[in-house]
Amino acid sequence: MGSYDSMQNYMNAEVLPQVRSCVEGKEWSEIPGIKGSRSAYKAFGRNPGRYRVSSEALIRRVRRGDELYHINSVVDVNNLISVKSGLSVGSYDLGQIHGAIKLRKAEHGEGYTGIGKDFLDMENMLVLADDDGIFGSSMSDSTRAMVTDSASDILVVVYCFENDIELETLLCEAEKAFVQFAGVYDIDTWIA
């Protein structure tokens, strides 16, 4: 059985039923991971109902019983980590990043074309930026730095805005999933 089939079996048999059970009947502001992200959005002056956290969008699909999109093995593992933790996870092709990466607040008029989306206004959002501008956030990744099958060096960012989440444990689980389901090797992890 291939890694995609193995991951799909794991998601469908274990992860998705567990997530559905955990979120059933809860408000979005009560779900760990999503709760902190929504609070952060509000603190930066963004409406989390209008500008949805990517993990919330995924878990909404899970709650409705909709399929998760299959893009490639890296994105599949991102989705796995995101639905299990409630945290947004972004992956970026380092071959498309130029200069130092900074986490900062987006200014008026800044944004980018999101994957499968039009221009996304990122004003007041926490974003990742390089010398060419912003390329990622907890809402959506950009087309410029998106991970394709040709990407060889990848940065994965777990956006966490809560103190109660065990990030060390989550990173260990994420590392195992990337090795098992995406064939990733030579992994470095850190908490910033």
C-alpha atoms as a PDB file:
ATOM      1  CA  MET A   1       0.000   0.000   0.000  1.00  0.00           C
ATOM      2  CA  GLY A   2       1.380   3.420  -0.950  1.00  0.00           C
ATOM      3  CA  SER A   3       1.903   6.241   1.517  1.00  0.00           C
ATOM      4  CA  TYR A   4      -1.128   8.146   0.111  1.00  0.00           C
ATOM      5  CA  ASP A   5      -3.416   5.133   0.619  1.00  0.00           C
ATOM      6  CA  SER A   6      -1.915   4.513   4.041  1.00  0.00           C
ATOM      7  CA  MET A   7      -2.503   8.114   5.061  1.00  0.00           C
ATOM      8  CA  GLN A   8      -6.053   8.141   3.673  1.00  0.00           C
ATOM      9  CA  ASN A   9      -6.868   4.992   5.635  1.00  0.00           C
ATOM     10  CA  TYR A  10      -5.431   6.544   8.805  1.00  0.00           C
ATOM     11  CA  MET A  11      -7.336   9.804   8.242  1.00  0.00           C
ATOM     12  CA  ASN A  12     -10.664   8.130   7.420  1.00  0.00           C
ATOM     13  CA  ALA A  13     -10.523   5.383  10.055  1.00  0.00           C
ATOM     14  CA  GLU A  14      -9.015   7.267  12.982  1.00  0.00           C
ATOM     15  CA  VAL A  15      -8.388  10.993  12.648  1.00  0.00           C
ATOM     16  CA  LEU A  16     -11.548  12.335  11.017  1.00  0.00           C
ATOM     17  CA  PRO A  17     -14.038  10.421  13.213  1.00  0.00           C
ATOM     18  CA  GLN A  18     -12.133  11.537  16.328  1.00  0.00           C
ATOM     19  CA  VAL A  19     -12.071  15.176  15.174  1.00  0.00           C
ATOM     20  CA  ARG A  20     -15.802  15.113  14.309  1.00  0.00           C
ATOM     21  CA  SER A  21     -16.555  13.745  17.770  1.00  0.00           C
ATOM     22  CA  CYS A  22     -14.384  16.362  19.508  1.00  0.00           C
ATOM     23  CA  VAL A  23     -15.877  19.371  17.692  1.00  0.00           C
ATOM     24  CA  GLU A  24     -19.511  18.280  17.543  1.00  0.00           C
ATOM     25  CA  GLY A  25     -21.777  20.763  19.303  1.00  0.00           C
ATOM     26  CA  LYS A  26     -18.930  23.178  20.112  1.00  0.00           C
ATOM     27  CA  GLU A  27     -18.653  26.812  19.122  1.00  0.00           C
ATOM     28  CA  TRP A  28     -15.595  27.615  17.028  1.00  0.00           C
ATOM     29  CA  SER A  29     -14.291  29.814  19.832  1.00  0.00           C
ATOM     30  CA  GLU A  30     -14.208  26.732  22.117  1.00  0.00           C
ATOM     31  CA  ILE A  31     -12.026  24.501  19.965  1.00  0.00           C
ATOM     32  CA  PRO A  32      -8.330  24.433  20.952  1.00  0.00           C
ATOM     33  CA  GLY A  33      -6.098  25.931  18.287  1.00  0.00           C
ATOM     34  CA  ILE A  34      -8.956  27.694  16.539  1.00  0.00           C
ATOM     35  CA  LYS A  35      -9.829  29.514  19.760  1.00  0.00           C
ATOM     36  CA  GLY A  36      -6.411  31.191  20.006  1.00  0.00           C
ATOM     37  CA  SER A  37      -6.259  32.010  16.302  1.00  0.00           C
ATOM     38  CA  ARG A  38      -9.691  33.673  16.380  1.00  0.00           C
ATOM     39  CA  SER A  39      -8.608  35.716  19.411  1.00  0.00           C
ATOM     40  CA  ALA A  40      -5.431  36.786  17.608  1.00  0.00           C
ATOM     41  CA  TYR A  41      -7.413  37.836  14.545  1.00  0.00           C
ATOM     42  CA  LYS A  42      -9.708  39.945  16.721  1.00  0.00           C
ATOM     43  CA  ALA A  43      -6.719  41.496  18.524  1.00  0.00           C
ATOM     44  CA  PHE A  44      -5.326  42.585  15.142  1.00  0.00           C
ATOM     45  CA  GLY A  45      -8.681  44.026  14.082  1.00  0.00           C
ATOM     46  CA  ARG A  46      -9.770  41.252  11.724  1.00  0.00           C
ATOM     47  CA  ASN A  47     -13.142  39.511  11.809  1.00  0.00           C
ATOM     48  CA  PRO A  48     -12.489  35.735  12.108  1.00  0.00           C
ATOM     49  CA  GLY A  49     -15.952  35.059  10.689  1.00  0.00           C
ATOM     50  CA  ARG A  50     -15.070  36.879   7.485  1.00  0.00           C
ATOM     51  CA  TYR A  51     -11.338  36.097   7.342  1.00  0.00           C
ATOM     52  CA  ARG A  52     -11.342  32.466   8.326  1.00  0.00           C
ATOM     53  CA  VAL A  53      -8.389  30.728   9.961  1.00  0.00           C
ATOM     54  CA  SER A  54      -7.275  27.925   7.612  1.00  0.00           C
ATOM     55  CA  SER A  55      -7.582  25.251  10.324  1.00  0.00           C
ATOM     56  CA  GLU A  56     -11.169  26.311  10.967  1.00  0.00           C
ATOM     57  CA  ALA A  57     -11.957  26.062   7.251  1.00  0.00           C
ATOM     58  CA  LEU A  58     -10.548  22.510   7.207  1.00  0.00           C
ATOM     59  CA  ILE A  59     -12.371  21.430  10.346  1.00  0.00           C
ATOM     60  CA  ARG A  60     -15.622  22.896   8.985  1.00  0.00           C
ATOM     61  CA  ARG A  61     -15.202  20.542   6.018  1.00  0.00           C
ATOM     62  CA  VAL A  62     -14.552  17.634   8.389  1.00  0.00           C
ATOM     63  CA  ARG A  63     -17.591  18.514  10.526  1.00  0.00           C
ATOM     64  CA  ARG A  64     -19.836  18.546   7.411  1.00  0.00           C
ATOM     65  CA  GLY A  65     -18.384  15.220   6.241  1.00  0.00           C
ATOM     66  CA  ASP A  66     -16.785  16.733   3.126  1.00  0.00           C
ATOM     67  CA  GLU A  67     -13.613  15.279   1.674  1.00  0.00           C
ATOM     68  CA  LEU A  68     -10.311  17.084   2.210  1.00  0.00           C
ATOM     69  CA  TYR A  69      -8.536  18.097  -0.969  1.00  0.00           C
ATOM     70  CA  HIS A  70      -5.543  16.050  -2.070  1.00  0.00           C
ATOM     71  CA  ILE A  71      -2.826  18.285  -3.526  1.00  0.00           C
ATOM     72  CA  ASN A  72       0.408  16.482  -2.719  1.00  0.00           C
ATOM     73  CA  SER A  73       1.851  14.521   0.195  1.00  0.00           C
ATOM     74  CA  VAL A  74       3.247  17.600   1.992  1.00  0.00           C
ATOM     75  CA  VAL A  75      -0.108  19.388   1.875  1.00  0.00           C
ATOM     76  CA  ASP A  76      -1.845  16.175   2.982  1.00  0.00           C
ATOM     77  CA  VAL A  77       0.381  16.014   6.073  1.00  0.00           C
ATOM     78  CA  ASN A  78      -0.278  19.728   6.708  1.00  0.00           C
ATOM     79  CA  ASN A  79      -3.988  18.968   6.705  1.00  0.00           C
ATOM     80  CA  LEU A  80      -3.459  16.017   9.034  1.00  0.00           C
ATOM     81  CA  ILE A  81      -1.563  18.176  11.545  1.00  0.00           C
ATOM     82  CA  SER A  82      -4.081  20.986  11.223  1.00  0.00           C
ATOM     83  CA  VAL A  83      -7.237  18.931  11.772  1.00  0.00           C
ATOM     84  CA  LYS A  84      -5.681  17.038  14.688  1.00  0.00           C
ATOM     85  CA  SER A  85      -4.387  20.168  16.451  1.00  0.00           C
ATOM     86  CA  GLY A  86      -6.826  22.892  15.378  1.00  0.00           C
ATOM     87  CA  LEU A  87      -3.810  24.988  14.363  1.00  0.00           C
ATOM     88  CA  SER A  88      -3.146  26.466  10.944  1.00  0.00           C
ATOM     89  CA  VAL A  89      -0.172  24.944   9.159  1.00  0.00           C
ATOM     90  CA  GLY A  90       1.534  26.530   6.161  1.00  0.00           C
ATOM     91  CA  SER A  91       4.147  24.980   3.902  1.00  0.00           C
ATOM     92  CA  TYR A  92       6.380  27.065   1.685  1.00  0.00           C
ATOM     93  CA  ASP A  93       8.822  26.209  -1.096  1.00  0.00           C
ATOM     94  CA  LEU A  94      12.124  27.707   0.068  1.00  0.00           C
ATOM     95  CA  GLY A  95      13.261  27.808  -3.564  1.00  0.00           C
ATOM     96  CA  GLN A  96      10.720  30.589  -4.081  1.00  0.00           C
ATOM     97  CA  ILE A  97      11.757  32.575  -0.969  1.00  0.00           C
ATOM     98  CA  HIS A  98      14.390  35.304  -1.320  1.00  0.00           C
ATOM     99  CA  GLY A  99      16.320  36.734   1.619  1.00  0.00           C
ATOM    100  CA  ALA A 100      15.511  36.520   5.303  1.00  0.00           C
ATOM    101  CA  ILE A 101      12.060  35.413   6.425  1.00  0.00           C
ATOM    102  CA  LYS A 102      10.288  37.700   8.868  1.00  0.00           C
ATOM    103  CA  LEU A 103       7.068  37.327  10.844  1.00  0.00           C
ATOM    104  CA  ARG A 104       5.448  40.753  10.910  1.00  0.00           C
ATOM    105  CA  LYS A 105       2.186  42.662  10.715  1.00  0.00           C
ATOM    106  CA  ALA A 106       1.009  43.411   7.172  1.00  0.00           C
ATOM    107  CA  GLU A 107       0.578  47.071   6.294  1.00  0.00           C
ATOM    108  CA  HIS A 108      -2.286  48.821   4.506  1.00  0.00           C
ATOM    109  CA  GLY A 109      -2.687  47.540   0.946  1.00  0.00           C
ATOM    110  CA  GLU A 110      -0.484  44.471   1.401  1.00  0.00           C
ATOM    111  CA  GLY A 111      -1.722  41.104   0.320  1.00  0.00           C
ATOM    112  CA  TYR A 112      -1.157  38.308  -2.152  1.00  0.00           C
ATOM    113  CA  THR A 113      -2.907  35.843  -4.403  1.00  0.00           C
ATOM    114  CA  GLY A 114      -3.895  32.893  -2.248  1.00  0.00           C
ATOM    115  CA  ILE A 115      -3.953  29.312  -3.454  1.00  0.00           C
ATOM    116  CA  GLY A 116      -7.278  28.873  -5.199  1.00  0.00           C
ATOM    117  CA  LYS A 117      -8.244  32.431  -4.269  1.00  0.00           C
ATOM    118  CA  ASP A 118      -8.098  35.940  -5.649  1.00  0.00           C
ATOM    119  CA  PHE A 119      -6.081  38.723  -4.028  1.00  0.00           C
ATOM    120  CA  LEU A 120      -6.231  38.419  -0.228  1.00  0.00           C
ATOM    121  CA  ASP A 121      -6.079  41.638   1.778  1.00  0.00           C
ATOM    122  CA  MET A 122      -3.681  40.939   4.653  1.00  0.00           C
ATOM    123  CA  GLU A 123      -3.731  44.355   6.350  1.00  0.00           C
ATOM    124  CA  ASN A 124      -3.083  43.979  10.107  1.00  0.00           C
ATOM    125  CA  MET A 125      -2.582  40.194   9.837  1.00  0.00           C
ATOM    126  CA  LEU A 126       0.547  38.463  11.083  1.00  0.00           C
ATOM    127  CA  VAL A 127       2.305  37.356   7.917  1.00  0.00           C
ATOM    128  CA  LEU A 128       5.519  35.800   6.710  1.00  0.00           C
ATOM    129  CA  ALA A 129       7.557  38.018   4.386  1.00  0.00           C
ATOM    130  CA  ASP A 130      10.824  37.893   2.467  1.00  0.00           C
ATOM    131  CA  ASP A 131      12.637  40.421   0.272  1.00  0.00           C
ATOM    132  CA  ASP A 132       9.891  40.107  -2.373  1.00  0.00           C
ATOM    133  CA  GLY A 133       7.013  40.777   0.056  1.00  0.00           C
ATOM    134  CA  ILE A 134       4.542  38.700   2.008  1.00  0.00           C
ATOM    135  CA  PHE A 135       3.894  35.075   1.099  1.00  0.00           C
ATOM    136  CA  GLY A 136       2.069  33.337   3.944  1.00  0.00           C
ATOM    137  CA  SER A 137      -0.249  33.627   6.910  1.00  0.00           C
ATOM    138  CA  SER A 138      -2.521  31.524   9.096  1.00  0.00           C
ATOM    139  CA  MET A 139      -5.390  32.284   6.702  1.00  0.00           C
ATOM    140  CA  SER A 140      -3.990  31.050   3.387  1.00  0.00           C
ATOM    141  CA  ASP A 141      -0.723  30.370   1.629  1.00  0.00           C
ATOM    142  CA  SER A 142       0.307  32.321  -1.461  1.00  0.00           C
ATOM    143  CA  THR A 143       0.651  30.928  -4.951  1.00  0.00           C
ATOM    144  CA  ARG A 144       4.202  32.351  -5.100  1.00  0.00           C
ATOM    145  CA  ALA A 145       5.608  30.081  -2.394  1.00  0.00           C
ATOM    146  CA  MET A 146       3.204  27.146  -2.642  1.00  0.00           C
ATOM    147  CA  VAL A 147       4.620  23.642  -2.446  1.00  0.00           C
ATOM    148  CA  THR A 148       4.508  21.735  -5.719  1.00  0.00           C
ATOM    149  CA  ASP A 149       5.901  18.324  -6.589  1.00  0.00           C
ATOM    150  CA  SER A 150       9.123  19.988  -7.753  1.00  0.00           C
ATOM    151  CA  ALA A 151       9.858  21.559  -4.339  1.00  0.00           C
ATOM    152  CA  SER A 152      12.854  20.048  -2.561  1.00  0.00           C
ATOM    153  CA  ASP A 153      13.419  22.365   0.420  1.00  0.00           C
ATOM    154  CA  ILE A 154      10.293  23.170   2.391  1.00  0.00           C
ATOM    155  CA  LEU A 155       9.515  25.366   5.368  1.00  0.00           C
ATOM    156  CA  VAL A 156       6.528  24.246   7.438  1.00  0.00           C
ATOM    157  CA  VAL A 157       5.087  26.741   9.914  1.00  0.00           C
ATOM    158  CA  VAL A 158       2.592  25.837  12.624  1.00  0.00           C
ATOM    159  CA  TYR A 159       0.790  29.025  13.656  1.00  0.00           C
ATOM    160  CA  CYS A 160       0.023  28.793  17.377  1.00  0.00           C
ATOM    161  CA  PHE A 161      -1.582  31.577  19.408  1.00  0.00           C
ATOM    162  CA  GLU A 162      -2.271  29.578  22.604  1.00  0.00           C
ATOM    163  CA  ASN A 163      -0.097  28.732  25.587  1.00  0.00           C
ATOM    164  CA  ASP A 164      -1.947  25.503  26.453  1.00  0.00           C
ATOM    165  CA  ILE A 165      -0.902  23.573  23.368  1.00  0.00           C
ATOM    166  CA  GLU A 166       1.992  21.125  23.752  1.00  0.00           C
ATOM    167  CA  LEU A 167       4.080  22.282  20.799  1.00  0.00           C
ATOM    168  CA  GLU A 168       7.016  19.941  21.480  1.00  0.00           C
ATOM    169  CA  THR A 169       4.698  16.920  21.294  1.00  0.00           C
ATOM    170  CA  LEU A 170       2.935  18.301  18.222  1.00  0.00           C
ATOM    171  CA  LEU A 171       6.250  18.865  16.419  1.00  0.00           C
ATOM    172  CA  CYS A 172       7.366  15.293  17.187  1.00  0.00           C
ATOM    173  CA  GLU A 173       4.083  13.926  15.793  1.00  0.00           C
ATOM    174  CA  ALA A 174       4.382  16.191  12.747  1.00  0.00           C
ATOM    175  CA  GLU A 175       7.948  15.035  12.077  1.00  0.00           C
ATOM    176  CA  LYS A 176       6.857  11.378  12.199  1.00  0.00           C
ATOM    177  CA  ALA A 177       3.930  12.078   9.847  1.00  0.00           C
ATOM    178  CA  PHE A 178       6.142  13.899   7.332  1.00  0.00           C
ATOM    179  CA  VAL A 179       8.599  10.993   7.316  1.00  0.00           C
ATOM    180  CA  GLN A 180       5.907   8.291   7.131  1.00  0.00           C
ATOM    181  CA  PHE A 181       3.460   9.855   4.691  1.00  0.00           C
ATOM    182  CA  ALA A 182       5.522  12.348   2.666  1.00  0.00           C
ATOM    183  CA  GLY A 183       8.953  10.694   2.565  1.00  0.00           C
ATOM    184  CA  VAL A 184      10.570  13.779   4.069  1.00  0.00           C
ATOM    185  CA  TYR A 185      14.066  13.506   5.556  1.00  0.00           C
ATOM    186  CA  ASP A 186      16.668  15.821   7.087  1.00  0.00           C
ATOM    187  CA  ILE A 187      14.136  17.623   9.308  1.00  0.00           C
ATOM    188  CA  ASP A 188      14.982  20.436  11.708  1.00  0.00           C
ATOM    189  CA  THR A 189      12.339  21.677  14.149  1.00  0.00           C
ATOM    190  CA  TRP A 190      12.287  24.648  16.494  1.00  0.00           C
ATOM    191  CA  ILE A 191       9.865  26.847  18.382  1.00  0.00           C
ATOM    192  CA  ALA A 192      10.172  30.603  17.856  1.00  0.00           C
END
